[in-house]
């Protein structure tokens, strides 16, 4: 787990670690990088899938593995012009 109060530094560090692992031959074993944010009702996670090169939101509600699909779709709509978003919703796996 990598933590940094400066979000840009955090993203840069995660990218550097991922790039270095790929350069050393571990690329096929990289699954995801996960960024946690505090949402209004629940924690919000942005997951970056290395294999597909895309992000997707994950908002668990804490109720029997349920997630807030409506909020996830709203976040997708808000950020799909800023981030590469996974378009296949069946690949929006929780972690």
C-alpha atoms as a PDB file:
ATOM      1  CA  UNK A   1       0.000   0.000   0.000  1.00  0.00           C
ATOM      2  CA  UNK A   2       1.301   3.406  -0.977  1.00  0.00           C
ATOM      3  CA  UNK A   3       0.003   6.490   0.807  1.00  0.00           C
ATOM      4  CA  UNK A   4       0.659  10.151   0.097  1.00  0.00           C
ATOM      5  CA  UNK A   5      -1.432  13.175   1.098  1.00  0.00           C
ATOM      6  CA  UNK A   6      -0.600  14.814  -2.249  1.00  0.00           C
ATOM      7  CA  UNK A   7      -2.745  13.048  -4.853  1.00  0.00           C
ATOM      8  CA  UNK A   8      -0.507  13.940  -7.802  1.00  0.00           C
ATOM      9  CA  UNK A   9       2.530  12.540  -5.968  1.00  0.00           C
ATOM     10  CA  UNK A  10       0.553   9.395  -5.184  1.00  0.00           C
ATOM     11  CA  UNK A  11      -0.423   8.842  -8.819  1.00  0.00           C
ATOM     12  CA  UNK A  12       3.158   9.495  -9.947  1.00  0.00           C
ATOM     13  CA  UNK A  13       4.527   7.004  -7.421  1.00  0.00           C
ATOM     14  CA  UNK A  14       1.993   4.314  -8.332  1.00  0.00           C
ATOM     15  CA  UNK A  15       2.808   4.812 -12.024  1.00  0.00           C
ATOM     16  CA  UNK A  16       6.544   4.602 -11.305  1.00  0.00           C
ATOM     17  CA  UNK A  17       6.153   1.395  -9.283  1.00  0.00           C
ATOM     18  CA  UNK A  18       3.938  -0.171 -11.961  1.00  0.00           C
ATOM     19  CA  UNK A  19       6.338   0.812 -14.738  1.00  0.00           C
ATOM     20  CA  UNK A  20       9.322  -0.566 -12.847  1.00  0.00           C
ATOM     21  CA  UNK A  21       7.547  -3.860 -12.142  1.00  0.00           C
ATOM     22  CA  UNK A  22       6.652  -4.154 -15.825  1.00  0.00           C
ATOM     23  CA  UNK A  23      10.236  -3.355 -16.853  1.00  0.00           C
ATOM     24  CA  UNK A  24      11.448  -6.177 -14.604  1.00  0.00           C
ATOM     25  CA  UNK A  25       9.119  -8.701 -16.215  1.00  0.00           C
ATOM     26  CA  UNK A  26       6.258  -8.675 -13.711  1.00  0.00           C
ATOM     27  CA  UNK A  27       3.750  -6.950 -16.022  1.00  0.00           C
ATOM     28  CA  UNK A  28       1.603 -10.042 -16.611  1.00  0.00           C
ATOM     29  CA  UNK A  29       1.174 -10.407 -12.847  1.00  0.00           C
ATOM     30  CA  UNK A  30      -0.060  -6.851 -12.232  1.00  0.00           C
ATOM     31  CA  UNK A  31      -3.791  -6.773 -11.650  1.00  0.00           C
ATOM     32  CA  UNK A  32      -4.846  -3.340 -10.434  1.00  0.00           C
ATOM     33  CA  UNK A  33      -4.030  -0.115  -8.629  1.00  0.00           C
ATOM     34  CA  UNK A  34      -6.735   1.091  -6.257  1.00  0.00           C
ATOM     35  CA  UNK A  35      -7.300   4.680  -5.149  1.00  0.00           C
ATOM     36  CA  UNK A  36      -9.607   5.282  -2.172  1.00  0.00           C
ATOM     37  CA  UNK A  37     -11.630   8.455  -1.615  1.00  0.00           C
ATOM     38  CA  UNK A  38     -14.185   9.400   1.016  1.00  0.00           C
ATOM     39  CA  UNK A  39     -17.634   9.620  -0.558  1.00  0.00           C
ATOM     40  CA  UNK A  40     -20.738  11.297   0.861  1.00  0.00           C
ATOM     41  CA  UNK A  41     -22.263   7.998   2.051  1.00  0.00           C
ATOM     42  CA  UNK A  42     -19.646   5.332   1.354  1.00  0.00           C
ATOM     43  CA  UNK A  43     -15.966   5.034   0.476  1.00  0.00           C
ATOM     44  CA  UNK A  44     -15.344   5.458  -3.251  1.00  0.00           C
ATOM     45  CA  UNK A  45     -12.637   3.438  -4.967  1.00  0.00           C
ATOM     46  CA  UNK A  46     -11.222   4.116  -8.417  1.00  0.00           C
ATOM     47  CA  UNK A  47      -9.631   0.945  -9.733  1.00  0.00           C
ATOM     48  CA  UNK A  48      -7.106   0.957 -12.569  1.00  0.00           C
ATOM     49  CA  UNK A  49      -6.907  -2.388 -14.363  1.00  0.00           C
ATOM     50  CA  UNK A  50      -3.435  -2.866 -15.811  1.00  0.00           C
ATOM     51  CA  UNK A  51      -4.516  -5.487 -18.334  1.00  0.00           C
ATOM     52  CA  UNK A  52      -7.149  -3.243 -19.967  1.00  0.00           C
ATOM     53  CA  UNK A  53      -5.509   0.119 -19.260  1.00  0.00           C
ATOM     54  CA  UNK A  54      -8.709   1.595 -17.882  1.00  0.00           C
ATOM     55  CA  UNK A  55     -10.333   2.818 -14.679  1.00  0.00           C
ATOM     56  CA  UNK A  56     -13.699   2.012 -13.139  1.00  0.00           C
ATOM     57  CA  UNK A  57     -15.440   3.146  -9.953  1.00  0.00           C
ATOM     58  CA  UNK A  58     -16.309   0.785  -7.128  1.00  0.00           C
ATOM     59  CA  UNK A  59     -18.600   1.922  -4.314  1.00  0.00           C
ATOM     60  CA  UNK A  60     -19.390  -0.844  -1.816  1.00  0.00           C
ATOM     61  CA  UNK A  61     -22.359  -0.101   0.439  1.00  0.00           C
ATOM     62  CA  UNK A  62     -21.263  -2.495   3.170  1.00  0.00           C
ATOM     63  CA  UNK A  63     -24.468  -4.525   2.858  1.00  0.00           C
ATOM     64  CA  UNK A  64     -23.887  -8.153   1.838  1.00  0.00           C
ATOM     65  CA  UNK A  65     -21.414  -7.278  -0.899  1.00  0.00           C
ATOM     66  CA  UNK A  66     -23.808  -4.777  -2.479  1.00  0.00           C
ATOM     67  CA  UNK A  67     -22.545  -1.757  -4.365  1.00  0.00           C
ATOM     68  CA  UNK A  68     -24.019   1.588  -5.328  1.00  0.00           C
ATOM     69  CA  UNK A  69     -24.397   1.047  -9.072  1.00  0.00           C
ATOM     70  CA  UNK A  70     -26.227   4.330  -9.662  1.00  0.00           C
ATOM     71  CA  UNK A  71     -23.426   6.358  -8.065  1.00  0.00           C
ATOM     72  CA  UNK A  72     -20.809   4.353  -9.994  1.00  0.00           C
ATOM     73  CA  UNK A  73     -22.545   5.177 -13.284  1.00  0.00           C
ATOM     74  CA  UNK A  74     -22.804   8.836 -12.280  1.00  0.00           C
ATOM     75  CA  UNK A  75     -19.052   8.948 -11.598  1.00  0.00           C
ATOM     76  CA  UNK A  76     -18.397   7.264 -14.948  1.00  0.00           C
ATOM     77  CA  UNK A  77     -20.424   9.954 -16.714  1.00  0.00           C
ATOM     78  CA  UNK A  78     -18.617  12.744 -14.869  1.00  0.00           C
ATOM     79  CA  UNK A  79     -15.080  11.490 -15.500  1.00  0.00           C
ATOM     80  CA  UNK A  80     -15.156   9.568 -18.779  1.00  0.00           C
ATOM     81  CA  UNK A  81     -13.748  12.586 -20.619  1.00  0.00           C
ATOM     82  CA  UNK A  82     -10.889  12.893 -18.109  1.00  0.00           C
ATOM     83  CA  UNK A  83      -9.877   9.257 -17.571  1.00  0.00           C
ATOM     84  CA  UNK A  84      -9.807   6.127 -19.716  1.00  0.00           C
ATOM     85  CA  UNK A  85     -12.919   4.395 -18.337  1.00  0.00           C
ATOM     86  CA  UNK A  86     -13.611   0.680 -18.785  1.00  0.00           C
ATOM     87  CA  UNK A  87     -16.680   0.664 -21.047  1.00  0.00           C
ATOM     88  CA  UNK A  88     -17.601  -2.988 -20.443  1.00  0.00           C
ATOM     89  CA  UNK A  89     -19.547  -2.806 -17.168  1.00  0.00           C
ATOM     90  CA  UNK A  90     -19.213  -6.567 -16.696  1.00  0.00           C
ATOM     91  CA  UNK A  91     -15.501  -5.917 -16.068  1.00  0.00           C
ATOM     92  CA  UNK A  92     -16.145  -3.484 -13.218  1.00  0.00           C
ATOM     93  CA  UNK A  93     -14.913  -5.883 -10.567  1.00  0.00           C
ATOM     94  CA  UNK A  94     -14.824  -4.970  -6.897  1.00  0.00           C
ATOM     95  CA  UNK A  95     -11.682  -5.608  -4.931  1.00  0.00           C
END
